[in-house]
């Protein structure tokens, strides 16, 4: 007989799998995804989404972050192949930031609504990964709070750039879906914010 904690983990996995399958089938149309569709596919009661994840948005974010993590791990393997000096924190921050934005742009149709949720409701400290590198880059007299704010500022600018990438291209001629322009944009933002 399964323990309650084991049953809960099985339910969570069913919800994650059902959400991923439905999003894949519907071309990652987040707006068309309903809680009822998810629980029907998962074979669990409607209230389990909120019980397990707190909201449908948190569940969809979990699905995206799991997929993102897999793709990100593939990019990390490319560090040495692309000649990136992973010992230089500034270059590593630029490279990692560029890869993150590439992943977000690639999956834009799926994540545009999730990014809005992240920017307004999600605990951003759970996903800010640049702090450790920024701490290594900035002068030692900067406090941890200042470094966290720099990480927050950089992340916010990049989230907004991804959300508004079409307008960036149309009005300012900056196409962050183009790798060369994205690299220039990232280099400028990192150099400006992380001084």
Protein backbone atom coordinates (compact mmCIF):
# COMPACT_ATOMS: atom_id res chain seq x y z
CA UNK A 1 0.00 0.00 0.00
CA UNK A 2 1.28 3.44 -0.94
CA UNK A 3 1.91 6.08 1.68
CA UNK A 4 0.07 9.41 1.33
CA UNK A 5 3.28 11.19 0.30
CA UNK A 6 3.88 8.61 -2.45
CA UNK A 7 0.29 8.98 -3.68
CA UNK A 8 0.72 12.75 -3.80
CA UNK A 9 3.91 12.43 -5.87
CA UNK A 10 2.12 10.10 -8.29
CA UNK A 11 -0.74 12.61 -8.59
CA UNK A 12 1.72 15.45 -9.22
CA UNK A 13 3.44 13.44 -11.93
CA UNK A 14 0.09 12.60 -13.56
CA UNK A 15 -0.80 16.30 -13.62
CA UNK A 16 2.60 17.27 -15.05
CA UNK A 17 2.41 14.58 -17.73
CA UNK A 18 -1.17 15.47 -18.66
CA UNK A 19 -0.32 19.17 -18.91
CA UNK A 20 2.75 18.51 -21.06
CA UNK A 21 0.79 16.20 -23.37
CA UNK A 22 -2.09 18.65 -23.82
CA UNK A 23 0.26 21.57 -24.47
CA UNK A 24 2.18 19.49 -27.03
CA UNK A 25 -1.05 18.47 -28.77
CA UNK A 26 -2.38 22.02 -28.89
CA UNK A 27 0.75 23.71 -30.11
CA UNK A 28 1.57 25.08 -26.64
CA UNK A 29 -1.57 27.21 -26.60
CA UNK A 30 -1.60 28.12 -22.92
CA UNK A 31 -4.80 30.16 -23.13
CA UNK A 32 -6.77 27.16 -24.43
CA UNK A 33 -5.52 24.94 -21.61
CA UNK A 34 -8.13 24.44 -18.90
CA UNK A 35 -7.87 22.88 -15.47
CA UNK A 36 -10.73 20.54 -16.38
CA UNK A 37 -8.82 19.28 -19.44
CA UNK A 38 -5.76 18.59 -17.30
CA UNK A 39 -7.53 16.67 -14.53
CA UNK A 40 -9.63 14.71 -17.01
CA UNK A 41 -6.47 13.57 -18.80
CA UNK A 42 -4.68 12.88 -15.50
CA UNK A 43 -7.65 11.05 -14.01
CA UNK A 44 -7.62 13.02 -10.76
CA UNK A 45 -10.14 15.31 -9.00
CA UNK A 46 -10.28 18.98 -10.06
CA UNK A 47 -9.03 20.30 -6.71
CA UNK A 48 -5.73 18.43 -7.02
CA UNK A 49 -4.14 21.11 -9.24
CA UNK A 50 -4.49 23.70 -6.49
CA UNK A 51 -3.65 21.19 -3.76
CA UNK A 52 -0.47 20.01 -5.49
CA UNK A 53 0.72 23.22 -7.19
CA UNK A 54 -1.29 26.11 -5.79
CA UNK A 55 -2.64 27.11 -9.22
CA UNK A 56 -2.79 26.12 -12.86
CA UNK A 57 -0.16 28.78 -13.57
CA UNK A 58 2.25 27.14 -11.11
CA UNK A 59 1.63 23.74 -12.74
CA UNK A 60 2.28 25.09 -16.24
CA UNK A 61 5.36 26.89 -14.96
CA UNK A 62 6.62 23.59 -13.46
CA UNK A 63 6.12 21.87 -16.82
CA UNK A 64 7.98 24.66 -18.61
CA UNK A 65 10.82 24.77 -16.08
CA UNK A 66 11.28 20.98 -16.32
CA UNK A 67 11.51 21.22 -20.12
CA UNK A 68 13.74 24.28 -19.84
CA UNK A 69 16.06 22.44 -17.43
CA UNK A 70 16.53 19.59 -19.92
CA UNK A 71 17.30 21.99 -22.74
CA UNK A 72 19.56 24.09 -20.49
CA UNK A 73 21.61 21.00 -19.55
CA UNK A 74 22.26 20.41 -23.24
CA UNK A 75 23.52 23.99 -23.57
CA UNK A 76 25.82 23.62 -20.58
CA UNK A 77 27.58 20.76 -22.36
CA UNK A 78 28.31 23.14 -25.22
CA UNK A 79 30.40 25.53 -23.08
CA UNK A 80 33.69 23.87 -23.93
CA UNK A 81 32.68 23.03 -27.49
CA UNK A 82 32.07 26.71 -28.18
CA UNK A 83 35.29 27.81 -26.49
CA UNK A 84 33.58 29.69 -23.68
CA UNK A 85 35.90 30.41 -20.77
CA UNK A 86 33.70 29.16 -17.94
CA UNK A 87 36.27 30.43 -15.44
CA UNK A 88 35.53 34.05 -16.45
CA UNK A 89 32.28 34.89 -14.62
CA UNK A 90 31.44 37.85 -16.90
CA UNK A 91 31.77 35.77 -20.07
CA UNK A 92 29.88 32.89 -18.48
CA UNK A 93 27.06 35.24 -17.40
CA UNK A 94 26.81 36.60 -20.95
CA UNK A 95 26.83 33.12 -22.47
CA UNK A 96 24.29 31.68 -20.02
CA UNK A 97 22.04 34.72 -20.42
CA UNK A 98 22.17 34.43 -24.20
CA UNK A 99 21.25 30.74 -24.07
CA UNK A 100 18.38 31.41 -21.68
CA UNK A 101 16.95 34.09 -23.99
CA UNK A 102 17.36 31.77 -27.00
CA UNK A 103 15.35 29.08 -25.20
CA UNK A 104 12.65 31.57 -24.21
CA UNK A 105 12.38 32.97 -27.76
CA UNK A 106 12.26 29.44 -29.19
CA UNK A 107 9.31 28.60 -26.92
CA UNK A 108 7.77 32.07 -26.97
CA UNK A 109 4.24 31.02 -27.91
CA UNK A 110 4.13 28.70 -24.92
CA UNK A 111 5.82 30.93 -22.37
CA UNK A 112 4.53 34.43 -23.17
CA UNK A 113 1.69 34.11 -20.68
CA UNK A 114 3.90 32.31 -18.18
CA UNK A 115 6.45 35.15 -18.33
CA UNK A 116 3.70 37.63 -17.48
CA UNK A 117 2.81 35.43 -14.50
CA UNK A 118 6.47 35.18 -13.43
CA UNK A 119 6.92 38.95 -13.67
CA UNK A 120 3.84 39.71 -11.58
CA UNK A 121 3.16 36.78 -9.24
CA UNK A 122 5.90 34.16 -9.02
CA UNK A 123 8.61 34.13 -6.34
CA UNK A 124 11.41 35.38 -8.58
CA UNK A 125 14.11 34.25 -6.14
CA UNK A 126 13.38 30.66 -7.17
CA UNK A 127 14.60 31.26 -10.71
CA UNK A 128 17.24 34.01 -10.46
CA UNK A 129 20.39 32.08 -11.30
CA UNK A 130 22.68 34.94 -12.24
CA UNK A 131 23.32 36.15 -8.68
CA UNK A 132 26.28 33.81 -8.05
CA UNK A 133 28.08 35.01 -11.19
CA UNK A 134 27.27 38.66 -10.51
CA UNK A 135 28.67 38.29 -6.99
CA UNK A 136 31.98 37.19 -8.58
CA UNK A 137 32.01 40.06 -11.10
CA UNK A 138 31.16 43.15 -9.07
CA UNK A 139 33.62 44.85 -6.71
CA UNK A 140 33.88 43.30 -3.26
CA UNK A 141 32.48 46.39 -1.56
CA UNK A 142 29.06 45.70 -3.12
CA UNK A 143 26.69 44.07 -0.66
CA UNK A 144 24.81 40.84 -1.25
CA UNK A 145 21.60 42.87 -1.43
CA UNK A 146 23.07 45.06 -4.16
CA UNK A 147 24.16 41.98 -6.11
CA UNK A 148 20.70 40.44 -5.78
CA UNK A 149 19.16 43.65 -7.03
CA UNK A 150 21.53 43.67 -10.02
CA UNK A 151 20.47 40.07 -10.79
CA UNK A 152 16.82 41.07 -10.45
CA UNK A 153 17.32 44.10 -12.71
CA UNK A 154 19.11 42.08 -15.39
CA UNK A 155 16.46 39.35 -15.26
CA UNK A 156 13.64 41.87 -15.47
CA UNK A 157 15.12 43.60 -18.52
CA UNK A 158 15.62 40.27 -20.27
CA UNK A 159 12.10 39.05 -19.44
CA UNK A 160 10.68 42.28 -20.81
CA UNK A 161 12.87 42.03 -23.91
CA UNK A 162 11.57 38.51 -24.56
CA UNK A 163 7.94 39.55 -23.97
CA UNK A 164 8.31 42.56 -26.25
CA UNK A 165 10.85 41.14 -28.74
CA UNK A 166 8.59 41.85 -31.71
CA UNK A 167 8.30 45.50 -30.72
CA UNK A 168 12.06 45.70 -30.13
CA UNK A 169 12.56 44.57 -33.70
CA UNK A 170 9.83 46.73 -35.21
CA UNK A 171 10.55 50.02 -33.45
CA UNK A 172 14.23 49.83 -32.55
CA UNK A 173 15.63 47.46 -35.17
CA UNK A 174 16.93 45.04 -32.54
CA UNK A 175 16.07 41.44 -33.46
CA UNK A 176 16.95 39.30 -30.44
CA UNK A 177 15.88 36.19 -32.35
CA UNK A 178 19.03 36.76 -34.44
CA UNK A 179 22.04 35.33 -32.58
CA UNK A 180 24.44 38.15 -33.52
CA UNK A 181 22.03 40.89 -32.48
CA UNK A 182 21.13 38.99 -29.32
CA UNK A 183 24.81 38.65 -28.38
CA UNK A 184 25.34 42.38 -28.87
CA UNK A 185 22.20 43.16 -26.83
CA UNK A 186 23.24 40.81 -23.99
CA UNK A 187 26.80 42.13 -23.95
CA UNK A 188 25.53 45.72 -23.71
CA UNK A 189 23.01 44.92 -20.96
CA UNK A 190 25.47 42.92 -18.87
CA UNK A 191 28.23 45.52 -19.26
CA UNK A 192 25.84 48.37 -18.41
CA UNK A 193 24.08 46.75 -15.45
CA UNK A 194 26.92 44.66 -14.01
CA UNK A 195 29.67 47.26 -13.76
